PDB file of all heavy atoms in Angstrom:
ATOM      1  N   LEU A   1    -113.607  41.735  49.740  1.00  0.00           N
ATOM      2  CA  LEU A   1    -113.268  40.515  50.489  1.00  0.00           C
ATOM      3  C   LEU A   1    -114.434  40.159  51.399  1.00  0.00           C
ATOM      4  O   LEU A   1    -114.862  39.057  51.495  1.00  0.00           O
ATOM      5  CB  LEU A   1    -112.020  40.748  51.203  1.00  0.00           C
ATOM      6  CG  LEU A   1    -111.576  39.548  52.029  1.00  0.00           C
ATOM      7  CD1 LEU A   1    -111.324  38.259  51.257  1.00  0.00           C
ATOM      8  CD2 LEU A   1    -110.315  39.875  52.839  1.00  0.00           C
ATOM      9  N   LEU A   2    -114.963  41.170  52.121  1.00  0.00           N
ATOM     10  CA  LEU A   2    -116.085  40.933  53.060  1.00  0.00           C
ATOM     11  C   LEU A   2    -117.316  40.434  52.317  1.00  0.00           C
ATOM     12  O   LEU A   2    -118.014  39.562  52.782  1.00  0.00           O
ATOM     13  CB  LEU A   2    -116.416  42.230  53.826  1.00  0.00           C
ATOM     14  CG  LEU A   2    -115.397  42.665  54.866  1.00  0.00           C
ATOM     15  CD1 LEU A   2    -115.779  44.068  55.405  1.00  0.00           C
ATOM     16  CD2 LEU A   2    -115.289  41.614  56.009  1.00  0.00           C
ATOM     17  N   HIS A   3    -117.607  41.078  51.088  1.00  0.00           N
ATOM     18  CA  HIS A   3    -118.740  40.620  50.327  1.00  0.00           C
ATOM     19  C   HIS A   3    -118.494  39.162  49.873  1.00  0.00           C
ATOM     20  O   HIS A   3    -119.439  38.346  49.981  1.00  0.00           O
ATOM     21  CB  HIS A   3    -118.864  41.490  49.156  1.00  0.00           C
ATOM     22  CG  HIS A   3    -120.041  41.202  48.285  1.00  0.00           C
ATOM     23  ND1 HIS A   3    -121.336  41.470  48.701  1.00  0.00           N
ATOM     24  CD2 HIS A   3    -120.167  40.588  47.057  1.00  0.00           C
ATOM     25  CE1 HIS A   3    -122.221  41.045  47.807  1.00  0.00           C
ATOM     26  NE2 HIS A   3    -121.507  40.538  46.725  1.00  0.00           N
ATOM     27  N   ALA A   4    -117.307  38.771  49.481  1.00  0.00           N
ATOM     28  CA  ALA A   4    -117.038  37.405  49.019  1.00  0.00           C
ATOM     29  C   ALA A   4    -117.164  36.460  50.201  1.00  0.00           C
ATOM     30  O   ALA A   4    -117.722  35.349  50.020  1.00  0.00           O
ATOM     31  CB  ALA A   4    -115.666  37.299  48.433  1.00  0.00           C
ATOM     32  N   GLN A   5    -116.743  36.823  51.384  1.00  0.00           N
ATOM     33  CA  GLN A   5    -116.872  35.969  52.570  1.00  0.00           C
ATOM     34  C   GLN A   5    -118.363  35.729  52.856  1.00  0.00           C
ATOM     35  O   GLN A   5    -118.744  34.630  53.286  1.00  0.00           O
ATOM     36  CB  GLN A   5    -116.110  36.591  53.718  1.00  0.00           C
ATOM     37  CG  GLN A   5    -114.569  36.557  53.575  1.00  0.00           C
ATOM     38  CD  GLN A   5    -113.882  37.359  54.686  1.00  0.00           C
ATOM     39  OE1 GLN A   5    -114.434  38.161  55.293  1.00  0.00           O
ATOM     40  NE2 GLN A   5    -112.583  37.022  54.854  1.00  0.00           N
ATOM     41  N   GLU A   6    -119.151  36.777  52.821  1.00  0.00           N
ATOM     42  CA  GLU A   6    -120.593  36.709  53.154  1.00  0.00           C
ATOM     43  C   GLU A   6    -121.260  35.745  52.153  1.00  0.00           C
ATOM     44  O   GLU A   6    -121.998  34.895  52.513  1.00  0.00           O
ATOM     45  CB  GLU A   6    -121.225  38.078  53.088  1.00  0.00           C
ATOM     46  CG  GLU A   6    -122.725  38.017  53.405  1.00  0.00           C
ATOM     47  CD  GLU A   6    -122.944  37.676  54.910  1.00  0.00           C
ATOM     48  OE1 GLU A   6    -121.965  37.639  55.710  1.00  0.00           O
ATOM     49  OE2 GLU A   6    -124.151  37.296  55.210  1.00  0.00           O
ATOM     50  N   ASP A   7    -120.908  35.891  50.798  1.00  0.00           N
ATOM     51  CA  ASP A   7    -121.478  35.043  49.835  1.00  0.00           C
ATOM     52  C   ASP A   7    -121.093  33.580  50.140  1.00  0.00           C
ATOM     53  O   ASP A   7    -121.884  32.644  49.936  1.00  0.00           O
ATOM     54  CB  ASP A   7    -121.007  35.418  48.419  1.00  0.00           C
ATOM     55  CG  ASP A   7    -121.652  36.678  47.988  1.00  0.00           C
ATOM     56  OD1 ASP A   7    -122.657  37.113  48.509  1.00  0.00           O
ATOM     57  OD2 ASP A   7    -121.135  37.326  46.938  1.00  0.00           O
ATOM     58  N   PHE A   8    -119.869  33.335  50.544  1.00  0.00           N
ATOM     59  CA  PHE A   8    -119.361  31.948  50.794  1.00  0.00           C
ATOM     60  C   PHE A   8    -120.122  31.433  51.954  1.00  0.00           C
ATOM     61  O   PHE A   8    -120.537  30.230  51.939  1.00  0.00           O
ATOM     62  CB  PHE A   8    -117.896  31.983  51.095  1.00  0.00           C
ATOM     63  CG  PHE A   8    -117.348  30.671  51.517  1.00  0.00           C
ATOM     64  CD1 PHE A   8    -117.015  29.710  50.646  1.00  0.00           C
ATOM     65  CD2 PHE A   8    -117.157  30.357  52.917  1.00  0.00           C
ATOM     66  CE1 PHE A   8    -116.552  28.413  51.033  1.00  0.00           C
ATOM     67  CE2 PHE A   8    -116.659  29.145  53.330  1.00  0.00           C
ATOM     68  CZ  PHE A   8    -116.447  28.148  52.393  1.00  0.00           C
ATOM     69  N   ARG A   9    -120.386  32.209  53.040  1.00  0.00           N
ATOM     70  CA  ARG A   9    -121.094  31.725  54.177  1.00  0.00           C
ATOM     71  C   ARG A   9    -122.556  31.320  53.849  1.00  0.00           C
ATOM     72  O   ARG A   9    -123.083  30.339  54.334  1.00  0.00           O
ATOM     73  CB  ARG A   9    -121.093  32.767  55.311  1.00  0.00           C
ATOM     74  CG  ARG A   9    -119.677  32.834  55.946  1.00  0.00           C
ATOM     75  CD  ARG A   9    -119.744  33.642  57.310  1.00  0.00           C
ATOM     76  NE  ARG A   9    -120.018  35.031  57.054  1.00  0.00           N
ATOM     77  CZ  ARG A   9    -119.135  35.962  57.003  1.00  0.00           C
ATOM     78  NH1 ARG A   9    -117.818  35.686  57.028  1.00  0.00           N
ATOM     79  NH2 ARG A   9    -119.407  37.263  56.818  1.00  0.00           N
ATOM     80  N   LEU A  10    -123.187  32.182  53.017  1.00  0.00           N
ATOM     81  CA  LEU A  10    -124.541  31.935  52.585  1.00  0.00           C
ATOM     82  C   LEU A  10    -124.617  30.667  51.731  1.00  0.00           C
ATOM     83  O   LEU A  10    -125.511  29.831  51.944  1.00  0.00           O
ATOM     84  CB  LEU A  10    -125.073  33.106  51.843  1.00  0.00           C
ATOM     85  CG  LEU A  10    -125.367  34.423  52.569  1.00  0.00           C
ATOM     86  CD1 LEU A  10    -125.821  35.572  51.636  1.00  0.00           C
ATOM     87  CD2 LEU A  10    -126.477  34.201  53.627  1.00  0.00           C
ATOM     88  N   GLU A  11    -123.669  30.564  50.808  1.00  0.00           N
ATOM     89  CA  GLU A  11    -123.600  29.304  50.005  1.00  0.00           C
ATOM     90  C   GLU A  11    -123.339  28.070  50.818  1.00  0.00           C
ATOM     91  O   GLU A  11    -123.945  27.027  50.625  1.00  0.00           O
ATOM     92  CB  GLU A  11    -122.578  29.446  48.903  1.00  0.00           C
ATOM     93  CG  GLU A  11    -122.460  28.313  47.925  1.00  0.00           C
ATOM     94  CD  GLU A  11    -121.398  28.448  46.959  1.00  0.00           C
ATOM     95  OE1 GLU A  11    -120.578  29.402  47.052  1.00  0.00           O
ATOM     96  OE2 GLU A  11    -121.291  27.607  45.995  1.00  0.00           O
ATOM     97  N   HIS A  12    -122.527  28.233  51.916  1.00  0.00           N
ATOM     98  CA  HIS A  12    -122.239  27.107  52.737  1.00  0.00           C
ATOM     99  C   HIS A  12    -123.530  26.669  53.489  1.00  0.00           C
ATOM    100  O   HIS A  12    -123.794  25.440  53.570  1.00  0.00           O
ATOM    101  CB  HIS A  12    -121.153  27.507  53.797  1.00  0.00           C
ATOM    102  CG  HIS A  12    -120.801  26.376  54.718  1.00  0.00           C
ATOM    103  ND1 HIS A  12    -119.858  25.416  54.325  1.00  0.00           N
ATOM    104  CD2 HIS A  12    -121.195  26.055  55.966  1.00  0.00           C
ATOM    105  CE1 HIS A  12    -119.678  24.590  55.352  1.00  0.00           C
ATOM    106  NE2 HIS A  12    -120.504  24.963  56.337  1.00  0.00           N
ATOM    107  N   PHE A  13    -124.301  27.615  53.988  1.00  0.00           N
ATOM    108  CA  PHE A  13    -125.587  27.247  54.642  1.00  0.00           C
ATOM    109  C   PHE A  13    -126.521  26.545  53.652  1.00  0.00           C
ATOM    110  O   PHE A  13    -127.063  25.556  53.972  1.00  0.00           O
ATOM    111  CB  PHE A  13    -126.200  28.467  55.221  1.00  0.00           C
ATOM    112  CG  PHE A  13    -127.556  28.215  55.812  1.00  0.00           C
ATOM    113  CD1 PHE A  13    -127.681  27.692  57.117  1.00  0.00           C
ATOM    114  CD2 PHE A  13    -128.760  28.383  55.083  1.00  0.00           C
ATOM    115  CE1 PHE A  13    -128.900  27.475  57.659  1.00  0.00           C
ATOM    116  CE2 PHE A  13    -129.986  28.157  55.702  1.00  0.00           C
ATOM    117  CZ  PHE A  13    -130.054  27.637  56.997  1.00  0.00           C
ATOM    118  N   GLU A  14    -126.657  27.175  52.495  1.00  0.00           N
ATOM    119  CA  GLU A  14    -127.622  26.595  51.462  1.00  0.00           C
ATOM    120  C   GLU A  14    -127.276  25.208  51.027  1.00  0.00           C
ATOM    121  O   GLU A  14    -128.101  24.352  50.809  1.00  0.00           O
ATOM    122  CB  GLU A  14    -127.841  27.526  50.368  1.00  0.00           C
ATOM    123  CG  GLU A  14    -128.448  28.845  50.693  1.00  0.00           C
ATOM    124  CD  GLU A  14    -129.911  28.733  51.219  1.00  0.00           C
ATOM    125  OE1 GLU A  14    -130.439  27.663  51.094  1.00  0.00           O
ATOM    126  OE2 GLU A  14    -130.381  29.769  51.803  1.00  0.00           O
ATOM    127  N   LYS A  15    -125.996  24.910  50.820  1.00  0.00           N
ATOM    128  CA  LYS A  15    -125.509  23.685  50.258  1.00  0.00           C
ATOM    129  C   LYS A  15    -125.230  22.604  51.281  1.00  0.00           C
ATOM    130  O   LYS A  15    -125.401  21.401  51.009  1.00  0.00           O
ATOM    131  CB  LYS A  15    -124.291  23.930  49.323  1.00  0.00           C
ATOM    132  CG  LYS A  15    -124.616  24.618  48.111  1.00  0.00           C
ATOM    133  CD  LYS A  15    -123.369  24.689  47.162  1.00  0.00           C
ATOM    134  CE  LYS A  15    -123.716  25.274  45.830  1.00  0.00           C
ATOM    135  NZ  LYS A  15    -122.481  25.299  44.913  1.00  0.00           N
ATOM    136  N   LYS A  16    -124.695  23.012  52.452  1.00  0.00           N
ATOM    137  CA  LYS A  16    -124.201  22.084  53.390  1.00  0.00           C
ATOM    138  C   LYS A  16    -125.073  21.917  54.682  1.00  0.00           C
ATOM    139  O   LYS A  16    -125.041  20.873  55.280  1.00  0.00           O
ATOM    140  CB  LYS A  16    -122.727  22.436  53.828  1.00  0.00           C
ATOM    141  CG  LYS A  16    -121.839  22.493  52.671  1.00  0.00           C
ATOM    142  CD  LYS A  16    -121.577  21.170  52.070  1.00  0.00           C
ATOM    143  CE  LYS A  16    -120.442  21.167  51.007  1.00  0.00           C
ATOM    144  NZ  LYS A  16    -119.148  21.515  51.492  1.00  0.00           N
ATOM    145  N   ILE A  17    -125.787  22.995  55.033  1.00  0.00           N
ATOM    146  CA  ILE A  17    -126.467  22.974  56.315  1.00  0.00           C
ATOM    147  C   ILE A  17    -128.026  22.844  56.144  1.00  0.00           C
ATOM    148  O   ILE A  17    -128.621  21.817  56.750  1.00  0.00           O
ATOM    149  CB  ILE A  17    -126.190  24.310  57.039  1.00  0.00           C
ATOM    150  CG1 ILE A  17    -124.732  24.525  57.269  1.00  0.00           C
ATOM    151  CG2 ILE A  17    -126.936  24.296  58.449  1.00  0.00           C
ATOM    152  CD1 ILE A  17    -123.984  23.410  57.930  1.00  0.00           C
ATOM    153  N   ARG A  18    -128.631  23.658  55.389  1.00  0.00           N
ATOM    154  CA  ARG A  18    -130.088  23.587  55.224  1.00  0.00           C
ATOM    155  C   ARG A  18    -130.540  22.191  54.724  1.00  0.00           C
ATOM    156  O   ARG A  18    -131.530  21.663  55.253  1.00  0.00           O
ATOM    157  CB  ARG A  18    -130.627  24.661  54.280  1.00  0.00           C
ATOM    158  CG  ARG A  18    -132.047  24.818  54.309  1.00  0.00           C
ATOM    159  CD  ARG A  18    -132.678  25.500  53.101  1.00  0.00           C
ATOM    160  NE  ARG A  18    -132.422  26.929  52.969  1.00  0.00           N
ATOM    161  CZ  ARG A  18    -133.227  27.891  53.297  1.00  0.00           C
ATOM    162  NH1 ARG A  18    -134.329  27.514  53.881  1.00  0.00           N
ATOM    163  NH2 ARG A  18    -132.866  29.137  53.130  1.00  0.00           N
ATOM    164  N   PRO A  19    -129.903  21.622  53.715  1.00  0.00           N
ATOM    165  CA  PRO A  19    -130.395  20.193  53.326  1.00  0.00           C
ATOM    166  C   PRO A  19    -130.318  19.195  54.451  1.00  0.00           C
ATOM    167  O   PRO A  19    -131.152  18.354  54.475  1.00  0.00           O
ATOM    168  CB  PRO A  19    -129.410  19.917  52.173  1.00  0.00           C
ATOM    169  CG  PRO A  19    -128.939  21.206  51.634  1.00  0.00           C
ATOM    170  CD  PRO A  19    -128.770  22.034  52.871  1.00  0.00           C
ATOM    171  N   VAL A  20    -129.258  19.284  55.241  1.00  0.00           N
ATOM    172  CA  VAL A  20    -129.175  18.317  56.358  1.00  0.00           C
ATOM    173  C   VAL A  20    -130.255  18.567  57.360  1.00  0.00           C
ATOM    174  O   VAL A  20    -130.882  17.649  57.892  1.00  0.00           O
ATOM    175  CB  VAL A  20    -127.785  18.404  56.991  1.00  0.00           C
ATOM    176  CG1 VAL A  20    -127.662  17.376  58.231  1.00  0.00           C
ATOM    177  CG2 VAL A  20    -126.658  18.087  55.985  1.00  0.00           C
ATOM    178  N   LEU A  21    -130.454  19.796  57.708  1.00  0.00           N
ATOM    179  CA  LEU A  21    -131.578  20.103  58.603  1.00  0.00           C
ATOM    180  C   LEU A  21    -132.866  19.588  58.158  1.00  0.00           C
ATOM    181  O   LEU A  21    -133.721  19.101  58.883  1.00  0.00           O
ATOM    182  CB  LEU A  21    -131.656  21.665  58.872  1.00  0.00           C
ATOM    183  CG  LEU A  21    -130.495  22.329  59.560  1.00  0.00           C
ATOM    184  CD1 LEU A  21    -130.653  23.878  59.636  1.00  0.00           C
ATOM    185  CD2 LEU A  21    -130.364  21.799  61.077  1.00  0.00           C
ATOM    186  N   ALA A  22    -133.172  19.825  56.835  1.00  0.00           N
ATOM    187  CA  ALA A  22    -134.393  19.413  56.276  1.00  0.00           C
ATOM    188  C   ALA A  22    -134.571  17.918  56.245  1.00  0.00           C
ATOM    189  O   ALA A  22    -135.658  17.349  56.503  1.00  0.00           O
ATOM    190  CB  ALA A  22    -134.542  19.976  54.828  1.00  0.00           C
ATOM    191  N   SER A  23    -133.499  17.173  55.921  1.00  0.00           N
ATOM    192  CA  SER A  23    -133.638  15.707  55.790  1.00  0.00           C
ATOM    193  C   SER A  23    -133.520  14.961  57.075  1.00  0.00           C
ATOM    194  O   SER A  23    -134.010  13.855  57.239  1.00  0.00           O
ATOM    195  CB  SER A  23    -132.604  15.243  54.798  1.00  0.00           C
ATOM    196  OG  SER A  23    -131.245  15.472  55.254  1.00  0.00           O
ATOM    197  N   LYS A  24    -132.762  15.540  58.065  1.00  0.00           N
ATOM    198  CA  LYS A  24    -132.474  14.834  59.315  1.00  0.00           C
ATOM    199  C   LYS A  24    -133.173  15.369  60.546  1.00  0.00           C
ATOM    200  O   LYS A  24    -133.199  14.659  61.569  1.00  0.00           O
ATOM    201  CB  LYS A  24    -130.927  14.810  59.536  1.00  0.00           C
ATOM    202  CG  LYS A  24    -130.091  14.193  58.465  1.00  0.00           C
ATOM    203  CD  LYS A  24    -130.341  12.682  58.308  1.00  0.00           C
ATOM    204  CE  LYS A  24    -129.482  12.045  57.252  1.00  0.00           C
ATOM    205  NZ  LYS A  24    -129.747  10.686  57.066  1.00  0.00           N
ATOM    206  N   CYS A  25    -133.681  16.614  60.486  1.00  0.00           N
ATOM    207  CA  CYS A  25    -134.130  17.248  61.710  1.00  0.00           C
ATOM    208  C   CYS A  25    -135.558  17.665  61.727  1.00  0.00           C
ATOM    209  O   CYS A  25    -136.259  17.566  62.739  1.00  0.00           O
ATOM    210  CB  CYS A  25    -133.268  18.494  62.039  1.00  0.00           C
ATOM    211  SG  CYS A  25    -131.476  18.175  62.087  1.00  0.00           S
ATOM    212  N   PHE A  26    -136.060  18.120  60.597  1.00  0.00           N
ATOM    213  CA  PHE A  26    -137.417  18.696  60.533  1.00  0.00           C
ATOM    214  C   PHE A  26    -138.452  17.650  60.909  1.00  0.00           C
ATOM    215  O   PHE A  26    -139.606  18.040  61.321  1.00  0.00           O
ATOM    216  CB  PHE A  26    -137.707  19.306  59.234  1.00  0.00           C
ATOM    217  CG  PHE A  26    -136.930  20.541  58.904  1.00  0.00           C
ATOM    218  CD1 PHE A  26    -136.020  21.017  59.834  1.00  0.00           C
ATOM    219  CD2 PHE A  26    -137.082  21.231  57.666  1.00  0.00           C
ATOM    220  CE1 PHE A  26    -135.275  22.204  59.451  1.00  0.00           C
ATOM    221  CE2 PHE A  26    -136.345  22.368  57.352  1.00  0.00           C
ATOM    222  CZ  PHE A  26    -135.446  22.811  58.282  1.00  0.00           C
TER     223      PHE A  26
END
């Protein structure tokens, strides 16, 4: 369960956070 949660958090960053930082902030 912990491993799955960590994978979910990493996927959330890569799909939902990093692209917005790159396009709106950098």
